[in-house]
Amino acid sequence: MTAACYAKLRSLLRQLPGAGQEDGQALGELSMVLALVALVAVMAVTALGASISGWYQDFADLFP
């Protein structure tokens, strides 16, 4: 494509509804935060799962 075609394409894209807004950037940032929260939640459940499992086993061992 030539430079004139790129210029025409850019001008057409600017005319689209919502062009120039930063909603896409906010969505990207929100998805990164959500992924971090999910990672922390998985790590917490994994760490607590082992200790809770041990506690239940100790409790079950009290009964013959």
N, C-alpha and C. Protein backbone atom coordinates (compact mmCIF):
# COMPACT_ATOMS: atom_id res chain seq x y z
N MET A 1 0.84 -1.19 0.00
CA MET A 1 0.00 0.00 0.00
C MET A 1 0.88 1.24 0.00
N THR A 2 0.37 2.24 -0.61
CA THR A 2 1.13 3.48 -0.68
C THR A 2 0.80 4.37 0.50
N ALA A 3 1.56 5.42 0.65
CA ALA A 3 1.33 6.37 1.75
C ALA A 3 -0.04 7.02 1.64
N ALA A 4 -0.50 7.26 0.43
CA ALA A 4 -1.82 7.86 0.24
C ALA A 4 -2.92 6.92 0.72
N CYS A 5 -2.74 5.63 0.49
CA CYS A 5 -3.72 4.65 0.96
C CYS A 5 -3.76 4.61 2.49
N TYR A 6 -2.57 4.63 3.12
CA TYR A 6 -2.52 4.64 4.57
C TYR A 6 -3.19 5.89 5.14
N ALA A 7 -2.95 7.03 4.52
CA ALA A 7 -3.57 8.27 4.97
C ALA A 7 -5.08 8.21 4.86
N LYS A 8 -5.57 7.67 3.77
CA LYS A 8 -7.01 7.53 3.57
C LYS A 8 -7.61 6.57 4.59
N LEU A 9 -6.91 5.48 4.86
CA LEU A 9 -7.37 4.50 5.84
C LEU A 9 -7.42 5.11 7.24
N ARG A 10 -6.38 5.87 7.61
CA ARG A 10 -6.36 6.54 8.92
C ARG A 10 -7.51 7.51 9.05
N SER A 11 -7.80 8.26 8.01
CA SER A 11 -8.89 9.23 8.08
C SER A 11 -10.24 8.52 8.20
N LEU A 12 -10.38 7.38 7.54
CA LEU A 12 -11.62 6.62 7.67
C LEU A 12 -11.78 6.03 9.07
N LEU A 13 -10.68 5.55 9.64
CA LEU A 13 -10.74 4.98 10.98
C LEU A 13 -11.06 6.02 12.04
N ARG A 14 -10.60 7.25 11.84
CA ARG A 14 -10.90 8.32 12.80
C ARG A 14 -12.38 8.66 12.82
N GLN A 15 -13.08 8.40 11.73
CA GLN A 15 -14.49 8.73 11.64
C GLN A 15 -15.39 7.68 12.29
N LEU A 16 -14.82 6.54 12.67
CA LEU A 16 -15.62 5.50 13.30
C LEU A 16 -16.10 5.96 14.67
N PRO A 17 -17.29 5.51 15.10
CA PRO A 17 -17.77 5.88 16.43
C PRO A 17 -16.83 5.36 17.50
N GLY A 18 -16.50 6.20 18.45
CA GLY A 18 -15.63 5.80 19.55
C GLY A 18 -14.16 5.87 19.23
N ALA A 19 -13.80 6.32 18.05
CA ALA A 19 -12.39 6.41 17.71
C ALA A 19 -11.72 7.47 18.57
N GLY A 20 -10.56 7.17 19.06
CA GLY A 20 -9.82 8.12 19.88
C GLY A 20 -10.09 7.96 21.37
N GLN A 21 -11.04 7.10 21.72
CA GLN A 21 -11.29 6.89 23.15
C GLN A 21 -10.28 5.89 23.68
N GLU A 22 -10.10 5.89 24.98
CA GLU A 22 -9.11 5.02 25.60
C GLU A 22 -9.76 3.86 26.32
N ASP A 23 -10.93 3.42 25.86
CA ASP A 23 -11.61 2.30 26.51
C ASP A 23 -10.81 1.01 26.36
N GLY A 24 -10.15 0.83 25.25
CA GLY A 24 -9.37 -0.37 25.04
C GLY A 24 -8.21 -0.48 26.03
N GLN A 25 -7.59 0.64 26.32
CA GLN A 25 -6.49 0.64 27.28
C GLN A 25 -7.01 0.30 28.66
N ALA A 26 -8.14 0.87 29.05
CA ALA A 26 -8.72 0.58 30.37
C ALA A 26 -9.10 -0.89 30.47
N LEU A 27 -9.61 -1.46 29.39
CA LEU A 27 -9.97 -2.87 29.39
C LEU A 27 -8.74 -3.74 29.54
N GLY A 28 -7.66 -3.36 28.89
CA GLY A 28 -6.41 -4.10 29.03
C GLY A 28 -5.87 -4.06 30.45
N GLU A 29 -5.91 -2.89 31.07
CA GLU A 29 -5.45 -2.76 32.44
C GLU A 29 -6.33 -3.56 33.39
N LEU A 30 -7.63 -3.51 33.16
CA LEU A 30 -8.56 -4.25 34.01
C LEU A 30 -8.33 -5.75 33.89
N SER A 31 -8.06 -6.23 32.70
CA SER A 31 -7.82 -7.66 32.52
C SER A 31 -6.52 -8.09 33.20
N MET A 32 -5.51 -7.21 33.21
CA MET A 32 -4.26 -7.54 33.90
C MET A 32 -4.49 -7.61 35.41
N VAL A 33 -5.27 -6.69 35.95
CA VAL A 33 -5.56 -6.71 37.39
C VAL A 33 -6.37 -7.96 37.74
N LEU A 34 -7.33 -8.30 36.89
CA LEU A 34 -8.15 -9.48 37.13
C LEU A 34 -7.30 -10.75 37.09
N ALA A 35 -6.36 -10.83 36.17
CA ALA A 35 -5.47 -11.99 36.11
C ALA A 35 -4.60 -12.08 37.36
N LEU A 36 -4.12 -10.95 37.86
CA LEU A 36 -3.32 -10.95 39.08
C LEU A 36 -4.13 -11.40 40.28
N VAL A 37 -5.37 -10.92 40.38
CA VAL A 37 -6.25 -11.33 41.49
C VAL A 37 -6.52 -12.83 41.41
N ALA A 38 -6.76 -13.35 40.21
CA ALA A 38 -7.00 -14.78 40.06
C ALA A 38 -5.78 -15.59 40.46
N LEU A 39 -4.60 -15.12 40.09
CA LEU A 39 -3.36 -15.81 40.46
C LEU A 39 -3.18 -15.85 41.97
N VAL A 40 -3.41 -14.72 42.63
CA VAL A 40 -3.29 -14.66 44.09
C VAL A 40 -4.32 -15.57 44.74
N ALA A 41 -5.54 -15.62 44.21
CA ALA A 41 -6.57 -16.48 44.78
C ALA A 41 -6.19 -17.95 44.65
N VAL A 42 -5.64 -18.34 43.52
CA VAL A 42 -5.22 -19.74 43.33
C VAL A 42 -4.09 -20.08 44.29
N MET A 43 -3.15 -19.16 44.46
CA MET A 43 -2.04 -19.42 45.38
C MET A 43 -2.54 -19.54 46.82
N ALA A 44 -3.49 -18.69 47.21
CA ALA A 44 -4.03 -18.74 48.57
C ALA A 44 -4.79 -20.04 48.81
N VAL A 45 -5.60 -20.45 47.86
CA VAL A 45 -6.35 -21.70 48.01
C VAL A 45 -5.40 -22.89 48.08
N THR A 46 -4.35 -22.86 47.28
CA THR A 46 -3.37 -23.94 47.31
C THR A 46 -2.68 -24.01 48.67
N ALA A 47 -2.26 -22.88 49.20
CA ALA A 47 -1.56 -22.85 50.48
C ALA A 47 -2.48 -23.23 51.63
N LEU A 48 -3.69 -22.70 51.62
CA LEU A 48 -4.63 -23.02 52.69
C LEU A 48 -5.16 -24.43 52.57
N GLY A 49 -5.25 -24.96 51.36
CA GLY A 49 -5.77 -26.31 51.17
C GLY A 49 -4.93 -27.35 51.89
N ALA A 50 -3.63 -27.21 51.83
CA ALA A 50 -2.75 -28.18 52.49
C ALA A 50 -2.90 -28.11 54.01
N SER A 51 -2.99 -26.92 54.57
CA SER A 51 -3.11 -26.80 56.01
C SER A 51 -4.49 -27.26 56.49
N ILE A 52 -5.52 -26.96 55.74
CA ILE A 52 -6.86 -27.39 56.12
C ILE A 52 -6.98 -28.90 56.01
N SER A 53 -6.37 -29.48 54.99
CA SER A 53 -6.38 -30.93 54.84
C SER A 53 -5.70 -31.60 56.03
N GLY A 54 -4.58 -31.05 56.45
CA GLY A 54 -3.89 -31.59 57.63
C GLY A 54 -4.72 -31.46 58.88
N TRP A 55 -5.43 -30.36 59.03
CA TRP A 55 -6.28 -30.16 60.20
C TRP A 55 -7.41 -31.18 60.22
N TYR A 56 -8.04 -31.41 59.07
CA TYR A 56 -9.10 -32.41 59.00
C TYR A 56 -8.57 -33.81 59.30
N GLN A 57 -7.37 -34.12 58.83
CA GLN A 57 -6.79 -35.43 59.10
C GLN A 57 -6.51 -35.60 60.59
N ASP A 58 -5.98 -34.57 61.22
CA ASP A 58 -5.73 -34.63 62.67
C ASP A 58 -7.04 -34.83 63.43
N PHE A 59 -8.08 -34.15 63.00
CA PHE A 59 -9.39 -34.27 63.65
C PHE A 59 -9.96 -35.68 63.46
N ALA A 60 -9.80 -36.23 62.23
CA ALA A 60 -10.32 -37.57 61.96
C ALA A 60 -9.55 -38.62 62.73
N ASP A 61 -8.27 -38.39 62.98
CA ASP A 61 -7.46 -39.36 63.72
C ASP A 61 -7.86 -39.43 65.20
N LEU A 62 -8.57 -38.45 65.70
CA LEU A 62 -9.02 -38.47 67.09
C LEU A 62 -10.07 -39.56 67.33
N PHE A 63 -10.74 -39.95 66.30
CA PHE A 63 -11.83 -40.93 66.43
C PHE A 63 -11.35 -42.28 65.91
N PRO A 64 -11.52 -43.32 66.73
CA PRO A 64 -11.05 -44.66 66.29
C PRO A 64 -11.98 -45.29 65.27
